[in-house]
Amino acid sequence: MIALERARDAAPGHGSVREALGRAYYGAGRPAAAGAEFAKAIEIDPSNDYAHFGLALCLARGGERTRALGHLRLAIAMRPGNPAYRRALSRVEHQAPGPTSGPGAADPDPPDDRA
């Protein structure tokens, strides 16, 4: 993760580095930090479907179901054939509103599941 943080600091405008760091943070159980990196990746490249997916997982995990659904729907619109995005949408649609509890409670698919 340190190498990715250094890469981000050296090239803050590269969305691919932000996305990779978001994945690393998410995998390390740091969804807030991951969400910030995915959001920055979207700011750099709004058509980054995977960043929308990753941000949606982070939002869902934090109980922000409505915002998560919006980002999942955008990801699906950009890449309709991705089954991970559709599975995540289904799970978040059925998620109870409010903060989730426990690790993995709203983790439909880890953010490294790019199909």
Protein backbone atom coordinates (compact mmCIF):
# COMPACT_ATOMS: atom_id res chain seq x y z
CA MET A 1 0.00 0.00 0.00
CA ILE A 2 2.90 2.35 0.71
CA ALA A 3 4.04 2.13 -2.90
CA LEU A 4 0.56 3.06 -4.11
CA GLU A 5 0.38 5.99 -1.70
CA ARG A 6 3.73 7.21 -3.00
CA ALA A 7 2.52 6.79 -6.59
CA ARG A 8 -0.62 8.78 -5.74
CA ASP A 9 1.43 11.54 -4.16
CA ALA A 10 3.77 11.66 -7.15
CA ALA A 11 0.95 11.64 -9.71
CA PRO A 12 -2.26 12.79 -8.01
CA GLY A 13 -4.09 13.19 -11.31
CA HIS A 14 -3.86 9.55 -12.36
CA GLY A 15 -7.22 7.91 -11.82
CA SER A 16 -5.82 4.41 -12.26
CA VAL A 17 -3.52 4.92 -9.28
CA ARG A 18 -6.42 6.25 -7.22
CA GLU A 19 -8.52 3.24 -8.19
CA ALA A 20 -5.75 0.80 -7.29
CA LEU A 21 -5.24 2.51 -3.94
CA GLY A 22 -8.99 2.40 -3.31
CA ARG A 23 -8.93 -1.35 -3.92
CA ALA A 24 -6.01 -1.76 -1.55
CA TYR A 25 -7.66 0.29 1.19
CA TYR A 26 -10.93 -1.60 0.78
CA GLY A 27 -9.15 -4.93 0.97
CA ALA A 28 -7.39 -3.75 4.13
CA GLY A 29 -10.74 -2.96 5.76
CA ARG A 30 -10.49 0.80 5.36
CA PRO A 31 -13.71 1.64 3.47
CA ALA A 32 -13.65 5.37 4.31
CA ALA A 33 -10.16 5.78 2.84
CA ALA A 34 -11.13 3.56 -0.09
CA GLY A 35 -14.23 5.64 -0.74
CA ALA A 36 -12.17 8.83 -0.82
CA GLU A 37 -9.83 7.33 -3.43
CA PHE A 38 -12.69 5.98 -5.55
CA ALA A 39 -14.40 9.39 -5.38
CA LYS A 40 -11.21 11.09 -6.54
CA ALA A 41 -10.87 8.55 -9.38
CA ILE A 42 -14.43 9.47 -10.46
CA GLU A 43 -13.59 13.17 -10.27
CA ILE A 44 -10.61 12.53 -12.57
CA ASP A 45 -12.55 10.25 -14.92
CA PRO A 46 -16.35 10.23 -14.48
CA SER A 47 -16.63 7.31 -16.91
CA ASN A 48 -14.62 4.98 -14.65
CA ASP A 49 -17.29 2.34 -14.06
CA TYR A 50 -15.14 0.42 -11.61
CA ALA A 51 -14.58 3.48 -9.42
CA HIS A 52 -18.37 3.94 -9.27
CA PHE A 53 -18.68 0.28 -8.23
CA GLY A 54 -15.99 0.57 -5.56
CA LEU A 55 -17.44 3.79 -4.19
CA ALA A 56 -20.88 2.17 -4.08
CA LEU A 57 -19.54 -0.70 -1.97
CA CYS A 58 -17.95 1.78 0.43
CA LEU A 59 -21.15 3.82 0.67
CA ALA A 60 -23.28 0.71 1.23
CA ARG A 61 -20.94 -0.43 3.94
CA GLY A 62 -21.36 2.92 5.65
CA GLY A 63 -25.14 2.75 5.44
CA GLU A 64 -25.50 5.27 2.59
CA ARG A 65 -27.76 2.96 0.62
CA THR A 66 -29.37 5.59 -1.64
CA ARG A 67 -26.05 7.02 -2.79
CA ALA A 68 -24.65 3.51 -3.22
CA LEU A 69 -27.55 2.53 -5.47
CA GLY A 70 -26.95 5.58 -7.65
CA HIS A 71 -23.31 4.70 -8.21
CA LEU A 72 -24.13 1.04 -8.84
CA ARG A 73 -26.71 2.00 -11.45
CA LEU A 74 -24.16 4.24 -13.15
CA ALA A 75 -21.59 1.42 -13.16
CA ILE A 76 -24.13 -0.95 -14.72
CA ALA A 77 -25.13 1.62 -17.34
CA MET A 78 -21.46 1.97 -18.31
CA ARG A 79 -20.72 -1.77 -18.30
CA PRO A 80 -24.04 -3.65 -18.50
CA GLY A 81 -22.47 -7.08 -18.93
CA ASN A 82 -20.67 -7.09 -15.58
CA PRO A 83 -22.31 -9.69 -13.32
CA ALA A 84 -20.51 -8.41 -10.19
CA TYR A 85 -22.17 -5.02 -10.60
CA ARG A 86 -25.61 -6.62 -10.96
CA ARG A 87 -25.07 -8.85 -7.91
CA ALA A 88 -24.01 -5.84 -5.89
CA LEU A 89 -27.07 -3.88 -7.01
CA SER A 90 -29.37 -6.71 -5.99
CA ARG A 91 -27.77 -7.02 -2.56
CA VAL A 92 -27.77 -3.29 -1.86
CA GLU A 93 -31.39 -3.00 -3.01
CA HIS A 94 -32.29 -5.57 -0.36
CA GLN A 95 -30.03 -4.07 2.31
CA ALA A 96 -31.79 -2.52 5.27
CA PRO A 97 -31.38 1.26 5.44
CA GLY A 98 -28.90 2.64 7.94
CA PRO A 99 -25.37 1.69 8.99
CA THR A 100 -24.34 -1.89 8.47
CA SER A 101 -22.83 -3.95 11.20
CA GLY A 102 -19.91 -6.30 11.08
CA PRO A 103 -17.26 -6.83 8.45
CA GLY A 104 -18.59 -7.83 5.08
CA ALA A 105 -22.20 -7.02 5.95
CA ALA A 106 -22.72 -5.03 2.77
CA ASP A 107 -19.85 -6.40 0.71
CA PRO A 108 -21.63 -7.82 -2.33
CA ASP A 109 -18.35 -8.48 -4.09
CA PRO A 110 -14.87 -7.32 -3.18
CA PRO A 111 -13.66 -4.44 -5.31
CA ASP A 112 -11.16 -6.65 -7.13
CA ASP A 113 -13.98 -8.56 -8.88
CA ARG A 114 -13.81 -6.87 -12.27
CA ALA A 115 -15.55 -9.02 -14.85
